[in-house]
């Protein structure tokens, strides 16, 4: 789902990259409720995972922060992959259930201990990643979920921001 606020509304992608962009102006809601939640994608079709042992995922992340006060920034993002299946046992069949024991995650981007002055805007630049996940233990036929799990923080109060933005994209998903 590309940049859609309703994660139950599918947006089929047949070519190009996947992206998610978040722009949180001060006061819209607490930053942890916007930037600190997992965001990502679920495949449109199921995949027979028994045919594959690895999935390679590449892309980039860019974090932008405008400070109200002088502080230090700390930013990490984990990439999480997991097999998921559609819940057909309840009336809301647009919900997916993940296979808890099959979740794999890796830290893919860090921007750490960055000093920012009052009123200043800084961005991390593109933080590229190219990770291969071992999915040889996945033997089901399910959809795949690929999630960004950002973890931003500051040296002061987390309300010390004027605006923060997060741009995440995936350019390669390759099974082998």
N, C-alpha and C. Protein backbone atom coordinates (compact mmCIF):
# COMPACT_ATOMS: atom_id res chain seq x y z
N UNK A 1 0.85 -1.17 0.00
CA UNK A 1 0.00 0.00 0.00
C UNK A 1 0.90 1.23 0.00
N UNK A 2 0.80 2.00 -1.02
CA UNK A 2 1.69 3.15 -1.15
C UNK A 2 1.06 4.40 -0.55
N UNK A 3 1.57 4.79 0.60
CA UNK A 3 1.23 6.07 1.20
C UNK A 3 -0.26 6.25 1.44
N UNK A 4 -0.95 5.18 1.79
CA UNK A 4 -2.38 5.27 2.07
C UNK A 4 -2.59 5.22 3.58
N UNK A 5 -3.40 6.12 4.12
CA UNK A 5 -3.61 6.14 5.57
C UNK A 5 -4.42 4.94 6.06
N UNK A 6 -5.26 4.37 5.25
CA UNK A 6 -6.10 3.25 5.64
C UNK A 6 -5.43 1.96 5.20
N UNK A 7 -4.84 1.23 6.15
CA UNK A 7 -4.06 0.05 5.77
C UNK A 7 -4.93 -1.12 5.33
N UNK A 8 -6.23 -0.95 5.25
CA UNK A 8 -7.10 -2.00 4.75
C UNK A 8 -7.54 -1.75 3.31
N UNK A 9 -7.05 -0.68 2.71
CA UNK A 9 -7.41 -0.36 1.33
C UNK A 9 -6.24 -0.72 0.42
N UNK A 10 -6.33 -1.79 -0.34
CA UNK A 10 -5.19 -2.20 -1.16
C UNK A 10 -4.97 -1.26 -2.34
N UNK A 11 -3.72 -1.07 -2.66
CA UNK A 11 -3.31 -0.28 -3.81
C UNK A 11 -2.29 -1.13 -4.57
N UNK A 12 -2.73 -1.79 -5.62
CA UNK A 12 -1.88 -2.74 -6.33
C UNK A 12 -0.71 -2.03 -7.00
N UNK A 13 0.49 -2.57 -6.80
CA UNK A 13 1.70 -2.04 -7.42
C UNK A 13 2.19 -3.10 -8.40
N UNK A 14 2.31 -2.75 -9.65
CA UNK A 14 2.79 -3.71 -10.64
C UNK A 14 4.18 -3.35 -11.15
N UNK A 15 4.61 -2.13 -10.90
CA UNK A 15 5.93 -1.71 -11.34
C UNK A 15 6.39 -0.55 -10.46
N UNK A 16 7.68 -0.31 -10.40
CA UNK A 16 8.20 0.79 -9.60
C UNK A 16 8.45 0.36 -8.18
N UNK A 17 8.68 1.33 -7.29
CA UNK A 17 9.01 1.05 -5.90
C UNK A 17 7.83 1.22 -4.97
N UNK A 18 8.03 0.79 -3.75
CA UNK A 18 7.04 0.97 -2.69
C UNK A 18 7.55 2.08 -1.79
N UNK A 19 6.66 2.95 -1.35
CA UNK A 19 7.11 4.05 -0.49
C UNK A 19 6.08 4.34 0.58
N UNK A 20 6.56 4.96 1.65
CA UNK A 20 5.70 5.45 2.72
C UNK A 20 6.35 6.73 3.21
N UNK A 21 5.58 7.80 3.22
CA UNK A 21 6.07 9.10 3.66
C UNK A 21 5.19 9.59 4.80
N UNK A 22 5.84 10.07 5.86
CA UNK A 22 5.14 10.57 7.04
C UNK A 22 5.61 11.99 7.29
N UNK A 23 4.69 12.91 7.50
CA UNK A 23 5.01 14.30 7.82
C UNK A 23 4.21 14.67 9.06
N UNK A 24 4.87 14.90 10.17
CA UNK A 24 4.22 15.15 11.43
C UNK A 24 4.54 16.56 11.93
N UNK A 25 3.66 17.52 11.67
CA UNK A 25 3.87 18.86 12.22
C UNK A 25 3.60 18.84 13.72
N UNK A 26 4.28 19.69 14.47
CA UNK A 26 4.11 19.75 15.92
C UNK A 26 2.66 19.98 16.27
N UNK A 27 2.16 19.19 17.18
CA UNK A 27 0.79 19.35 17.64
C UNK A 27 -0.21 18.46 16.94
N UNK A 28 0.16 17.89 15.77
CA UNK A 28 -0.78 17.01 15.07
C UNK A 28 -1.09 15.79 15.93
N UNK A 29 -0.11 15.16 16.45
CA UNK A 29 -0.20 14.10 17.46
C UNK A 29 1.20 13.80 17.93
N UNK A 30 1.28 13.07 19.00
CA UNK A 30 2.60 12.75 19.55
C UNK A 30 3.44 12.04 18.50
N UNK A 31 4.72 12.40 18.37
CA UNK A 31 5.56 11.81 17.33
C UNK A 31 5.59 10.28 17.39
N UNK A 32 5.59 9.72 18.59
CA UNK A 32 5.67 8.26 18.69
C UNK A 32 4.44 7.61 18.07
N UNK A 33 3.32 8.33 17.98
CA UNK A 33 2.11 7.79 17.36
C UNK A 33 2.14 7.88 15.85
N UNK A 34 3.09 8.64 15.30
CA UNK A 34 3.17 8.72 13.85
C UNK A 34 4.43 8.06 13.33
N UNK A 35 5.57 8.54 13.78
CA UNK A 35 6.83 8.02 13.26
C UNK A 35 7.21 6.72 13.96
N UNK A 36 6.74 6.50 15.15
CA UNK A 36 7.16 5.35 15.94
C UNK A 36 6.34 4.09 15.73
N UNK A 37 5.49 4.04 14.76
CA UNK A 37 4.68 2.85 14.51
C UNK A 37 5.18 2.12 13.28
N UNK A 38 5.03 0.80 13.22
CA UNK A 38 5.44 0.09 12.01
C UNK A 38 4.56 0.46 10.82
N UNK A 39 5.18 0.71 9.70
CA UNK A 39 4.48 1.02 8.46
C UNK A 39 5.03 0.12 7.38
N UNK A 40 4.19 -0.29 6.45
CA UNK A 40 4.75 -1.13 5.41
C UNK A 40 3.74 -1.66 4.44
N UNK A 41 4.01 -2.87 3.98
CA UNK A 41 3.33 -3.41 2.82
C UNK A 41 3.00 -4.88 3.02
N UNK A 42 1.93 -5.32 2.38
CA UNK A 42 1.56 -6.73 2.35
C UNK A 42 1.39 -7.10 0.89
N UNK A 43 1.94 -8.25 0.51
CA UNK A 43 1.84 -8.67 -0.89
C UNK A 43 0.38 -8.87 -1.28
N UNK A 44 0.07 -8.60 -2.53
CA UNK A 44 -1.30 -8.73 -3.03
C UNK A 44 -1.68 -10.19 -3.18
N UNK A 45 -0.71 -11.04 -3.45
CA UNK A 45 -0.98 -12.47 -3.66
C UNK A 45 -0.22 -13.30 -2.64
N UNK A 46 -0.66 -14.52 -2.48
CA UNK A 46 0.07 -15.43 -1.60
C UNK A 46 1.31 -15.97 -2.31
N UNK A 47 2.25 -16.43 -1.52
CA UNK A 47 3.53 -16.93 -2.01
C UNK A 47 3.76 -18.30 -1.38
N UNK A 48 4.15 -19.27 -2.16
CA UNK A 48 4.52 -20.58 -1.63
C UNK A 48 5.96 -20.48 -1.14
N UNK A 49 6.12 -20.23 0.15
CA UNK A 49 7.45 -19.99 0.71
C UNK A 49 8.33 -21.23 0.71
N UNK A 50 7.74 -22.41 0.57
CA UNK A 50 8.56 -23.63 0.55
C UNK A 50 9.48 -23.67 -0.68
N UNK A 51 9.22 -22.84 -1.67
CA UNK A 51 10.06 -22.79 -2.88
C UNK A 51 11.28 -21.89 -2.73
N UNK A 52 11.35 -21.13 -1.61
CA UNK A 52 12.41 -20.13 -1.46
C UNK A 52 13.13 -20.29 -0.13
N UNK A 53 14.37 -19.86 -0.08
CA UNK A 53 15.12 -19.88 1.18
C UNK A 53 15.54 -18.47 1.62
N UNK A 54 15.49 -17.51 0.70
CA UNK A 54 15.92 -16.15 1.03
C UNK A 54 15.02 -15.12 0.35
N UNK A 55 14.93 -13.94 0.98
CA UNK A 55 14.32 -12.80 0.33
C UNK A 55 15.26 -11.61 0.54
N UNK A 56 15.58 -10.95 -0.56
CA UNK A 56 16.44 -9.76 -0.53
C UNK A 56 15.54 -8.54 -0.66
N UNK A 57 15.76 -7.57 0.23
CA UNK A 57 14.97 -6.33 0.22
C UNK A 57 15.95 -5.16 0.27
N UNK A 58 15.80 -4.24 -0.67
CA UNK A 58 16.68 -3.07 -0.73
C UNK A 58 15.83 -1.81 -0.86
N UNK A 59 16.36 -0.72 -0.37
CA UNK A 59 15.66 0.56 -0.45
C UNK A 59 16.43 1.63 0.28
N UNK A 60 15.69 2.64 0.78
CA UNK A 60 16.34 3.73 1.50
C UNK A 60 15.35 4.38 2.46
N UNK A 61 15.93 5.06 3.45
CA UNK A 61 15.16 5.76 4.47
C UNK A 61 15.79 7.13 4.64
N UNK A 62 14.96 8.15 4.83
CA UNK A 62 15.46 9.50 5.12
C UNK A 62 14.62 10.09 6.23
N UNK A 63 15.29 10.57 7.27
CA UNK A 63 14.63 11.17 8.43
C UNK A 63 14.96 12.65 8.48
N UNK A 64 13.93 13.50 8.66
CA UNK A 64 14.10 14.95 8.74
C UNK A 64 13.49 15.45 10.03
N UNK A 65 14.18 16.33 10.74
CA UNK A 65 13.73 16.81 12.04
C UNK A 65 13.98 18.31 12.14
N UNK A 66 12.97 19.07 12.57
CA UNK A 66 13.12 20.49 12.88
C UNK A 66 12.92 20.65 14.38
N UNK A 67 13.91 21.24 15.06
CA UNK A 67 13.91 21.30 16.52
C UNK A 67 13.33 22.59 17.06
N UNK A 68 12.63 22.48 18.19
CA UNK A 68 12.19 23.66 18.94
C UNK A 68 13.30 24.13 19.87
N UNK A 69 14.09 23.20 20.39
CA UNK A 69 15.19 23.53 21.29
C UNK A 69 16.43 22.76 20.83
N UNK A 70 17.58 23.13 21.37
CA UNK A 70 18.82 22.42 21.03
C UNK A 70 18.84 21.08 21.76
N UNK A 71 19.01 20.02 20.99
CA UNK A 71 18.99 18.66 21.54
C UNK A 71 19.88 17.76 20.68
N UNK A 72 19.94 16.50 21.03
CA UNK A 72 20.58 15.49 20.19
C UNK A 72 19.50 14.54 19.69
N UNK A 73 19.69 14.06 18.46
CA UNK A 73 18.74 13.14 17.84
C UNK A 73 19.31 11.73 17.83
N UNK A 74 18.41 10.77 17.98
CA UNK A 74 18.75 9.35 17.91
C UNK A 74 17.69 8.69 17.06
N UNK A 75 18.10 8.02 15.99
CA UNK A 75 17.14 7.43 15.08
C UNK A 75 17.63 6.08 14.58
N UNK A 76 16.79 5.07 14.73
CA UNK A 76 17.04 3.72 14.21
C UNK A 76 15.79 3.26 13.48
N UNK A 77 15.95 2.40 12.50
CA UNK A 77 14.80 1.76 11.86
C UNK A 77 15.12 0.28 11.66
N UNK A 78 14.19 -0.54 12.09
CA UNK A 78 14.27 -1.98 11.83
C UNK A 78 13.38 -2.30 10.64
N UNK A 79 13.82 -3.25 9.83
CA UNK A 79 13.00 -3.79 8.76
C UNK A 79 12.52 -5.15 9.25
N UNK A 80 11.21 -5.36 9.20
CA UNK A 80 10.59 -6.57 9.73
C UNK A 80 9.89 -7.28 8.58
N UNK A 81 10.15 -8.58 8.42
CA UNK A 81 9.45 -9.38 7.41
C UNK A 81 8.78 -10.56 8.12
N UNK A 82 7.60 -10.93 7.63
CA UNK A 82 6.88 -12.03 8.25
C UNK A 82 5.82 -12.57 7.29
N UNK A 83 5.53 -13.87 7.41
CA UNK A 83 4.40 -14.40 6.65
C UNK A 83 3.11 -14.03 7.37
N UNK A 84 2.11 -13.61 6.61
CA UNK A 84 0.81 -13.26 7.18
C UNK A 84 -0.28 -13.92 6.34
N UNK A 85 -1.43 -14.13 6.96
CA UNK A 85 -2.56 -14.69 6.23
C UNK A 85 -3.81 -13.93 6.59
N UNK A 86 -4.77 -13.94 5.67
CA UNK A 86 -6.02 -13.22 5.85
C UNK A 86 -6.89 -13.91 6.87
N UNK A 87 -7.49 -13.12 7.73
CA UNK A 87 -8.40 -13.64 8.74
C UNK A 87 -9.76 -13.86 8.11
N UNK A 88 -10.17 -15.08 7.94
CA UNK A 88 -11.47 -15.38 7.33
C UNK A 88 -12.49 -15.84 8.35
N UNK A 89 -12.11 -15.85 9.63
CA UNK A 89 -13.01 -16.36 10.66
C UNK A 89 -13.90 -15.29 11.29
N UNK A 90 -13.70 -14.02 10.93
CA UNK A 90 -14.53 -12.94 11.47
C UNK A 90 -15.10 -12.14 10.31
N UNK A 91 -16.00 -11.23 10.64
CA UNK A 91 -16.66 -10.46 9.58
C UNK A 91 -15.69 -9.52 8.86
N UNK A 92 -14.65 -9.05 9.54
CA UNK A 92 -13.68 -8.16 8.91
C UNK A 92 -12.56 -8.99 8.29
N UNK A 93 -12.75 -9.42 7.06
CA UNK A 93 -11.77 -10.30 6.40
C UNK A 93 -10.61 -9.53 5.77
N UNK A 94 -10.55 -8.22 6.00
CA UNK A 94 -9.42 -7.46 5.47
C UNK A 94 -8.25 -7.45 6.45
N UNK A 95 -8.40 -8.05 7.60
CA UNK A 95 -7.33 -8.10 8.59
C UNK A 95 -6.42 -9.30 8.35
N UNK A 96 -5.14 -9.09 8.65
CA UNK A 96 -4.15 -10.15 8.49
C UNK A 96 -3.61 -10.58 9.84
N UNK A 97 -3.25 -11.83 9.94
CA UNK A 97 -2.68 -12.39 11.15
C UNK A 97 -1.26 -12.81 10.81
N UNK A 98 -0.30 -12.45 11.68
CA UNK A 98 1.07 -12.83 11.38
C UNK A 98 1.44 -14.11 12.12
N UNK A 99 2.36 -14.84 11.54
CA UNK A 99 2.84 -16.08 12.14
C UNK A 99 3.99 -15.71 13.08
N UNK A 100 3.64 -15.59 14.33
CA UNK A 100 4.50 -15.03 15.37
C UNK A 100 5.90 -15.65 15.41
N UNK A 101 6.00 -16.95 15.25
CA UNK A 101 7.32 -17.59 15.37
C UNK A 101 8.19 -17.40 14.13
N UNK A 102 7.67 -16.79 13.08
CA UNK A 102 8.41 -16.65 11.82
C UNK A 102 8.85 -15.21 11.54
N UNK A 103 8.68 -14.30 12.49
CA UNK A 103 9.03 -12.89 12.31
C UNK A 103 10.56 -12.74 12.30
N UNK A 104 11.07 -12.03 11.29
CA UNK A 104 12.51 -11.76 11.19
C UNK A 104 12.69 -10.25 11.10
N UNK A 105 13.65 -9.72 11.84
CA UNK A 105 13.90 -8.28 11.76
C UNK A 105 15.39 -7.98 11.81
N UNK A 106 15.74 -6.88 11.13
CA UNK A 106 17.12 -6.41 11.10
C UNK A 106 17.12 -4.90 11.20
N UNK A 107 18.12 -4.37 11.93
CA UNK A 107 18.30 -2.93 11.95
C UNK A 107 18.91 -2.51 10.62
N UNK A 108 18.25 -1.58 9.90
CA UNK A 108 18.74 -1.22 8.56
C UNK A 108 19.19 0.23 8.43
N UNK A 109 18.85 1.08 9.40
CA UNK A 109 19.24 2.49 9.27
C UNK A 109 19.42 3.10 10.65
N UNK A 110 20.53 3.81 10.83
CA UNK A 110 20.77 4.54 12.07
C UNK A 110 21.31 5.92 11.75
N UNK A 111 20.87 6.85 12.56
CA UNK A 111 21.37 8.24 12.49
C UNK A 111 21.45 8.65 13.93
N UNK A 112 22.63 8.61 14.53
CA UNK A 112 22.77 8.55 15.97
C UNK A 112 23.59 9.71 16.52
N UNK A 113 23.14 10.25 17.68
CA UNK A 113 23.89 11.26 18.43
C UNK A 113 24.18 12.50 17.60
N UNK A 114 23.13 12.99 16.89
CA UNK A 114 23.26 14.14 16.00
C UNK A 114 22.81 15.40 16.74
N UNK A 115 23.69 16.38 16.87
CA UNK A 115 23.33 17.63 17.56
C UNK A 115 22.56 18.53 16.60
N UNK A 116 21.43 19.05 17.09
CA UNK A 116 20.62 19.97 16.31
C UNK A 116 20.31 21.19 17.19
N UNK A 117 20.42 22.39 16.62
CA UNK A 117 20.20 23.62 17.36
C UNK A 117 18.74 24.08 17.25
N UNK A 118 18.36 24.94 18.15
CA UNK A 118 17.01 25.48 18.18
C UNK A 118 16.62 26.06 16.81
N UNK A 119 15.48 25.63 16.28
CA UNK A 119 14.97 26.14 15.00
C UNK A 119 15.62 25.53 13.77
N UNK A 120 16.64 24.72 13.95
CA UNK A 120 17.37 24.14 12.83
C UNK A 120 16.62 22.92 12.28
N UNK A 121 16.75 22.72 10.96
CA UNK A 121 16.23 21.51 10.32
C UNK A 121 17.41 20.70 9.78
N UNK A 122 17.45 19.42 10.14
CA UNK A 122 18.48 18.53 9.64
C UNK A 122 17.81 17.30 9.05
N UNK A 123 18.47 16.70 8.07
CA UNK A 123 17.99 15.40 7.60
C UNK A 123 19.17 14.45 7.46
N UNK A 124 18.83 13.18 7.55
CA UNK A 124 19.86 12.15 7.55
C UNK A 124 20.46 11.91 6.18
N UNK A 125 19.84 12.49 5.13
CA UNK A 125 20.21 12.08 3.78
C UNK A 125 19.67 10.68 3.57
N UNK A 126 19.86 10.14 2.39
CA UNK A 126 19.38 8.79 2.13
C UNK A 126 20.24 7.78 2.89
N UNK A 127 19.58 6.95 3.68
CA UNK A 127 20.24 5.86 4.39
C UNK A 127 19.87 4.58 3.65
N UNK A 128 20.71 4.14 2.70
CA UNK A 128 20.36 2.96 1.90
C UNK A 128 20.52 1.67 2.70
N UNK A 129 19.73 0.68 2.31
CA UNK A 129 19.87 -0.64 2.90
C UNK A 129 19.69 -1.69 1.80
N UNK A 130 20.32 -2.82 2.00
CA UNK A 130 20.22 -3.96 1.09
C UNK A 130 20.44 -5.19 1.96
N UNK A 131 19.36 -5.83 2.36
CA UNK A 131 19.42 -6.93 3.32
C UNK A 131 18.84 -8.20 2.73
N UNK A 132 19.44 -9.32 3.08
CA UNK A 132 18.91 -10.62 2.70
C UNK A 132 18.46 -11.33 3.98
N UNK A 133 17.23 -11.80 3.96
CA UNK A 133 16.62 -12.48 5.10
C UNK A 133 16.53 -13.98 4.81
N UNK A 134 16.90 -14.80 5.77
CA UNK A 134 16.80 -16.25 5.65
C UNK A 134 15.36 -16.66 5.98
N UNK A 135 14.61 -17.09 4.97
CA UNK A 135 13.23 -17.52 5.18
C UNK A 135 13.08 -19.02 4.94
N UNK A 136 14.18 -19.75 5.07
CA UNK A 136 14.14 -21.19 4.80
C UNK A 136 13.21 -21.94 5.77
N UNK A 137 12.93 -21.35 6.92
CA UNK A 137 12.01 -21.97 7.87
C UNK A 137 10.55 -21.70 7.58
N UNK A 138 10.28 -20.89 6.57
CA UNK A 138 8.90 -20.60 6.21
C UNK A 138 8.44 -21.66 5.20
N UNK A 139 7.42 -22.42 5.54
CA UNK A 139 6.98 -23.49 4.65
C UNK A 139 5.52 -23.35 4.23
N UNK A 140 4.88 -22.28 4.65
CA UNK A 140 3.46 -22.07 4.36
C UNK A 140 3.28 -21.34 3.03
N UNK A 141 2.06 -21.29 2.57
CA UNK A 141 1.69 -20.43 1.44
C UNK A 141 0.87 -19.29 2.03
N UNK A 142 1.49 -18.12 2.13
CA UNK A 142 0.90 -16.94 2.77
C UNK A 142 1.27 -15.70 1.97
N UNK A 143 0.79 -14.58 2.44
CA UNK A 143 1.27 -13.29 1.96
C UNK A 143 2.53 -12.95 2.75
N UNK A 144 3.32 -12.01 2.23
CA UNK A 144 4.47 -11.53 2.98
C UNK A 144 4.19 -10.09 3.41
N UNK A 145 4.52 -9.79 4.65
CA UNK A 145 4.43 -8.42 5.15
C UNK A 145 5.86 -7.91 5.32
N UNK A 146 6.09 -6.68 4.85
CA UNK A 146 7.38 -6.02 4.97
C UNK A 146 7.10 -4.70 5.67
N UNK A 147 7.65 -4.54 6.88
CA UNK A 147 7.32 -3.37 7.70
C UNK A 147 8.57 -2.60 8.08
N UNK A 148 8.46 -1.27 8.09
CA UNK A 148 9.47 -0.40 8.67
C UNK A 148 9.03 -0.13 10.10
N UNK A 149 9.95 -0.30 11.06
CA UNK A 149 9.65 -0.03 12.46
C UNK A 149 10.64 1.02 12.96
N UNK A 150 10.31 2.32 12.75
CA UNK A 150 11.23 3.39 13.15
C UNK A 150 11.21 3.61 14.66
N UNK A 151 12.34 4.03 15.20
CA UNK A 151 12.47 4.30 16.63
C UNK A 151 13.22 5.61 16.83
N UNK A 152 12.53 6.75 16.70
CA UNK A 152 13.18 8.04 16.89
C UNK A 152 13.22 8.43 18.37
N UNK A 153 14.19 9.25 18.74
CA UNK A 153 14.27 9.76 20.09
C UNK A 153 15.15 11.00 20.14
N UNK A 154 15.09 11.70 21.27
CA UNK A 154 15.93 12.88 21.46
C UNK A 154 16.56 12.82 22.85
N UNK A 155 17.55 13.70 23.08
CA UNK A 155 18.20 13.76 24.38
C UNK A 155 17.35 14.51 25.39
N UNK A 156 16.31 15.20 24.94
CA UNK A 156 15.43 15.94 25.84
C UNK A 156 14.04 15.34 25.84
N UNK A 157 13.08 16.22 25.97
CA UNK A 157 11.68 15.78 25.91
C UNK A 157 11.33 15.51 24.44
N UNK A 158 10.54 14.48 24.21
CA UNK A 158 10.21 14.19 22.82
C UNK A 158 9.20 15.16 22.23
N UNK A 159 8.81 16.17 22.99
CA UNK A 159 7.95 17.22 22.44
C UNK A 159 8.79 18.37 21.90
N UNK A 160 10.10 18.21 21.89
CA UNK A 160 11.01 19.27 21.44
C UNK A 160 11.16 19.33 19.93
N UNK A 161 10.09 19.04 19.20
CA UNK A 161 10.18 19.07 17.75
C UNK A 161 9.17 20.07 17.20
N UNK A 162 9.52 20.63 16.06
CA UNK A 162 8.61 21.51 15.33
C UNK A 162 7.96 20.75 14.19
N UNK A 163 8.74 19.91 13.55
CA UNK A 163 8.23 19.06 12.47
C UNK A 163 9.21 17.90 12.29
N UNK A 164 8.66 16.73 12.00
CA UNK A 164 9.52 15.61 11.64
C UNK A 164 8.90 14.87 10.48
N UNK A 165 9.78 14.41 9.61
CA UNK A 165 9.35 13.71 8.40
C UNK A 165 10.15 12.43 8.26
N UNK A 166 9.51 11.45 7.65
CA UNK A 166 10.16 10.18 7.42
C UNK A 166 9.77 9.69 6.03
N UNK A 167 10.75 9.42 5.20
CA UNK A 167 10.53 8.91 3.85
C UNK A 167 11.18 7.53 3.79
N UNK A 168 10.36 6.51 3.49
CA UNK A 168 10.84 5.13 3.43
C UNK A 168 10.47 4.56 2.08
N UNK A 169 11.38 3.84 1.45
CA UNK A 169 11.04 3.22 0.17
C UNK A 169 11.76 1.89 -0.01
N UNK A 170 11.11 1.02 -0.78
CA UNK A 170 11.67 -0.27 -1.15
C UNK A 170 11.77 -0.30 -2.67
N UNK A 171 12.96 -0.62 -3.18
CA UNK A 171 13.15 -0.66 -4.63
C UNK A 171 13.36 -2.09 -5.14
N UNK A 172 13.73 -3.01 -4.25
CA UNK A 172 13.96 -4.40 -4.67
C UNK A 172 13.35 -5.37 -3.66
N UNK A 173 12.58 -6.31 -4.16
CA UNK A 173 12.15 -7.48 -3.39
C UNK A 173 12.45 -8.67 -4.29
N UNK A 174 13.35 -9.52 -3.86
CA UNK A 174 13.83 -10.61 -4.71
C UNK A 174 13.89 -11.92 -3.92
N UNK A 175 13.16 -12.90 -4.38
CA UNK A 175 13.15 -14.21 -3.73
C UNK A 175 14.14 -15.14 -4.43
N UNK A 176 14.81 -15.98 -3.65
CA UNK A 176 15.72 -16.99 -4.22
C UNK A 176 15.69 -18.24 -3.35
